[in-house]
């Protein structure tokens, strides 16, 4: 194998590695975004449940004080 062929193979290998790393980075970012969206949805649901619970407690409390 000549020096030129070896250098060409090394350049191709480097280019492939860069593409692979970029692809992996994009996939990682997508997965992170999906996870953050799921966490935000879960947090919003918990906040809504807490708000409903507090409203129910306030209603019960106000009804008790009427008597």
N, C-alpha and C. Protein backbone atom coordinates (compact mmCIF):
# COMPACT_ATOMS: atom_id res chain seq x y z
N UNK A 1 0.85 -1.18 0.00
CA UNK A 1 0.00 0.00 0.00
C UNK A 1 0.90 1.23 0.00
N UNK A 2 0.59 2.14 -0.88
CA UNK A 2 1.42 3.34 -0.99
C UNK A 2 1.07 4.35 0.11
N UNK A 3 1.93 5.29 0.29
CA UNK A 3 1.73 6.35 1.29
C UNK A 3 0.48 7.14 0.95
N UNK A 4 0.25 7.43 -0.31
CA UNK A 4 -0.94 8.19 -0.72
C UNK A 4 -2.22 7.43 -0.38
N UNK A 5 -2.21 6.12 -0.66
CA UNK A 5 -3.40 5.32 -0.36
C UNK A 5 -3.66 5.28 1.15
N UNK A 6 -2.59 5.12 1.90
CA UNK A 6 -2.71 5.09 3.36
C UNK A 6 -3.26 6.42 3.88
N UNK A 7 -2.76 7.52 3.38
CA UNK A 7 -3.24 8.84 3.81
C UNK A 7 -4.70 9.05 3.41
N UNK A 8 -5.07 8.56 2.24
CA UNK A 8 -6.46 8.68 1.79
C UNK A 8 -7.38 7.88 2.72
N UNK A 9 -6.96 6.68 3.06
CA UNK A 9 -7.76 5.85 3.97
C UNK A 9 -7.88 6.52 5.33
N UNK A 10 -6.78 7.10 5.81
CA UNK A 10 -6.82 7.79 7.11
C UNK A 10 -7.74 9.01 7.07
N UNK A 11 -7.71 9.77 5.97
CA UNK A 11 -8.61 10.93 5.85
C UNK A 11 -10.07 10.47 5.82
N UNK A 12 -10.35 9.40 5.09
CA UNK A 12 -11.71 8.87 5.03
C UNK A 12 -12.16 8.39 6.41
N UNK A 13 -11.23 7.73 7.09
CA UNK A 13 -11.54 7.26 8.44
C UNK A 13 -11.86 8.44 9.37
N UNK A 14 -11.04 9.47 9.32
CA UNK A 14 -11.27 10.67 10.14
C UNK A 14 -12.63 11.29 9.82
N UNK A 15 -12.94 11.41 8.53
CA UNK A 15 -14.22 11.98 8.12
C UNK A 15 -15.37 11.14 8.63
N UNK A 16 -15.23 9.82 8.56
CA UNK A 16 -16.28 8.93 9.06
C UNK A 16 -16.44 9.07 10.57
N UNK A 17 -15.35 9.20 11.28
CA UNK A 17 -15.41 9.37 12.73
C UNK A 17 -16.11 10.68 13.10
N UNK A 18 -15.81 11.74 12.38
CA UNK A 18 -16.46 13.03 12.64
C UNK A 18 -17.96 12.92 12.40
N UNK A 19 -18.35 12.28 11.29
CA UNK A 19 -19.79 12.10 11.01
C UNK A 19 -20.46 11.27 12.09
N UNK A 20 -19.79 10.22 12.53
CA UNK A 20 -20.35 9.36 13.58
C UNK A 20 -20.52 10.13 14.88
N UNK A 21 -19.51 10.90 15.25
CA UNK A 21 -19.59 11.70 16.48
C UNK A 21 -20.72 12.73 16.39
N UNK A 22 -20.86 13.38 15.24
CA UNK A 22 -21.94 14.35 15.06
C UNK A 22 -23.30 13.68 15.16
N UNK A 23 -23.41 12.52 14.56
CA UNK A 23 -24.67 11.78 14.61
C UNK A 23 -25.00 11.37 16.05
N UNK A 24 -24.00 10.90 16.76
CA UNK A 24 -24.21 10.50 18.15
C UNK A 24 -24.60 11.69 19.01
N UNK A 25 -23.98 12.83 18.75
CA UNK A 25 -24.30 14.04 19.51
C UNK A 25 -25.74 14.46 19.24
N UNK A 26 -26.17 14.42 17.99
CA UNK A 26 -27.55 14.77 17.67
C UNK A 26 -28.53 13.83 18.34
N UNK A 27 -28.24 12.53 18.30
CA UNK A 27 -29.11 11.56 18.95
C UNK A 27 -29.19 11.80 20.45
N UNK A 28 -28.05 12.10 21.05
CA UNK A 28 -28.02 12.38 22.48
C UNK A 28 -28.86 13.61 22.81
N UNK A 29 -28.74 14.64 21.99
CA UNK A 29 -29.52 15.86 22.21
C UNK A 29 -31.02 15.59 22.06
N UNK A 30 -31.38 14.80 21.05
CA UNK A 30 -32.79 14.45 20.86
C UNK A 30 -33.33 13.68 22.07
N UNK A 31 -32.56 12.71 22.53
CA UNK A 31 -32.99 11.92 23.68
C UNK A 31 -33.13 12.80 24.92
N UNK A 32 -32.21 13.73 25.09
CA UNK A 32 -32.27 14.64 26.23
C UNK A 32 -33.51 15.53 26.15
N UNK A 33 -33.81 16.01 24.94
CA UNK A 33 -34.98 16.86 24.76
C UNK A 33 -36.26 16.08 25.06
N UNK A 34 -36.34 14.85 24.60
CA UNK A 34 -37.51 14.01 24.86
C UNK A 34 -37.66 13.79 26.36
N UNK A 35 -36.56 13.50 27.04
CA UNK A 35 -36.60 13.29 28.48
C UNK A 35 -37.05 14.56 29.21
N UNK A 36 -36.52 15.70 28.80
CA UNK A 36 -36.91 16.96 29.43
C UNK A 36 -38.39 17.26 29.21
N UNK A 37 -38.90 16.93 28.02
CA UNK A 37 -40.33 17.14 27.75
C UNK A 37 -41.19 16.23 28.63
N UNK A 38 -40.76 14.98 28.79
CA UNK A 38 -41.50 14.05 29.64
C UNK A 38 -41.49 14.53 31.09
N UNK A 39 -40.33 14.98 31.55
CA UNK A 39 -40.23 15.48 32.92
C UNK A 39 -41.11 16.72 33.13
N UNK A 40 -41.12 17.61 32.15
CA UNK A 40 -41.95 18.81 32.25
C UNK A 40 -43.43 18.44 32.29
N UNK A 41 -43.84 17.46 31.48
CA UNK A 41 -45.23 17.03 31.48
C UNK A 41 -45.60 16.40 32.82
N UNK A 42 -44.69 15.58 33.35
CA UNK A 42 -44.93 14.94 34.65
C UNK A 42 -45.04 15.99 35.76
N UNK A 43 -44.16 16.99 35.69
CA UNK A 43 -44.17 18.07 36.68
C UNK A 43 -45.47 18.86 36.60
N UNK A 44 -45.92 19.16 35.39
CA UNK A 44 -47.16 19.92 35.19
C UNK A 44 -48.35 19.12 35.72
N UNK A 45 -48.36 17.83 35.47
CA UNK A 45 -49.45 16.97 35.95
C UNK A 45 -49.48 16.96 37.48
N UNK A 46 -48.31 16.84 38.10
CA UNK A 46 -48.25 16.84 39.56
C UNK A 46 -48.71 18.18 40.14
N UNK A 47 -48.33 19.26 39.48
CA UNK A 47 -48.76 20.58 39.94
C UNK A 47 -50.28 20.72 39.84
N UNK A 48 -50.84 20.22 38.74
CA UNK A 48 -52.28 20.28 38.56
C UNK A 48 -52.99 19.44 39.64
N UNK A 49 -52.46 18.27 39.92
CA UNK A 49 -53.05 17.43 40.96
C UNK A 49 -52.97 18.11 42.32
N UNK A 50 -51.84 18.73 42.60
CA UNK A 50 -51.67 19.44 43.86
C UNK A 50 -52.66 20.60 43.96
N UNK A 51 -52.81 21.33 42.88
CA UNK A 51 -53.75 22.45 42.87
C UNK A 51 -55.18 21.96 43.11
N UNK A 52 -55.57 20.87 42.45
CA UNK A 52 -56.91 20.32 42.65
C UNK A 52 -57.10 19.87 44.09
N UNK A 53 -56.08 19.25 44.66
CA UNK A 53 -56.15 18.80 46.04
C UNK A 53 -56.31 19.99 46.99
N UNK A 54 -55.54 21.05 46.73
CA UNK A 54 -55.63 22.24 47.58
C UNK A 54 -57.00 22.90 47.46
N UNK A 55 -57.55 22.94 46.24
CA UNK A 55 -58.88 23.52 46.06
C UNK A 55 -59.93 22.69 46.80
N UNK A 56 -59.81 21.38 46.73
CA UNK A 56 -60.75 20.51 47.43
C UNK A 56 -60.63 20.71 48.93
N UNK A 57 -59.41 20.83 49.43
CA UNK A 57 -59.20 21.06 50.85
C UNK A 57 -59.79 22.41 51.29
N UNK A 58 -59.59 23.42 50.46
CA UNK A 58 -60.11 24.74 50.77
C UNK A 58 -61.64 24.72 50.79
N UNK A 59 -62.23 23.98 49.86
CA UNK A 59 -63.69 23.88 49.80
C UNK A 59 -64.22 23.18 51.05
N UNK A 60 -63.61 22.09 51.43
CA UNK A 60 -64.02 21.36 52.62
C UNK A 60 -63.87 22.25 53.85
N UNK A 61 -62.76 22.95 53.92
CA UNK A 61 -62.49 23.82 55.05
C UNK A 61 -63.52 24.95 55.14
N UNK A 62 -63.89 25.53 53.99
CA UNK A 62 -64.87 26.61 54.02
C UNK A 62 -66.26 26.09 54.36
N UNK A 63 -66.57 24.87 53.95
CA UNK A 63 -67.87 24.28 54.29
C UNK A 63 -67.96 23.95 55.78
N UNK A 64 -66.86 23.54 56.37
CA UNK A 64 -66.82 23.22 57.79
C UNK A 64 -67.03 24.50 58.59
N UNK A 65 -66.43 25.59 58.15
CA UNK A 65 -66.55 26.84 58.89
C UNK A 65 -67.92 27.50 58.76
N UNK A 66 -68.74 27.05 57.82
CA UNK A 66 -70.10 27.60 57.66
C UNK A 66 -70.99 27.17 58.81
N UNK A 67 -70.70 26.02 59.36
CA UNK A 67 -71.56 25.48 60.44
C UNK A 67 -71.12 26.01 61.72
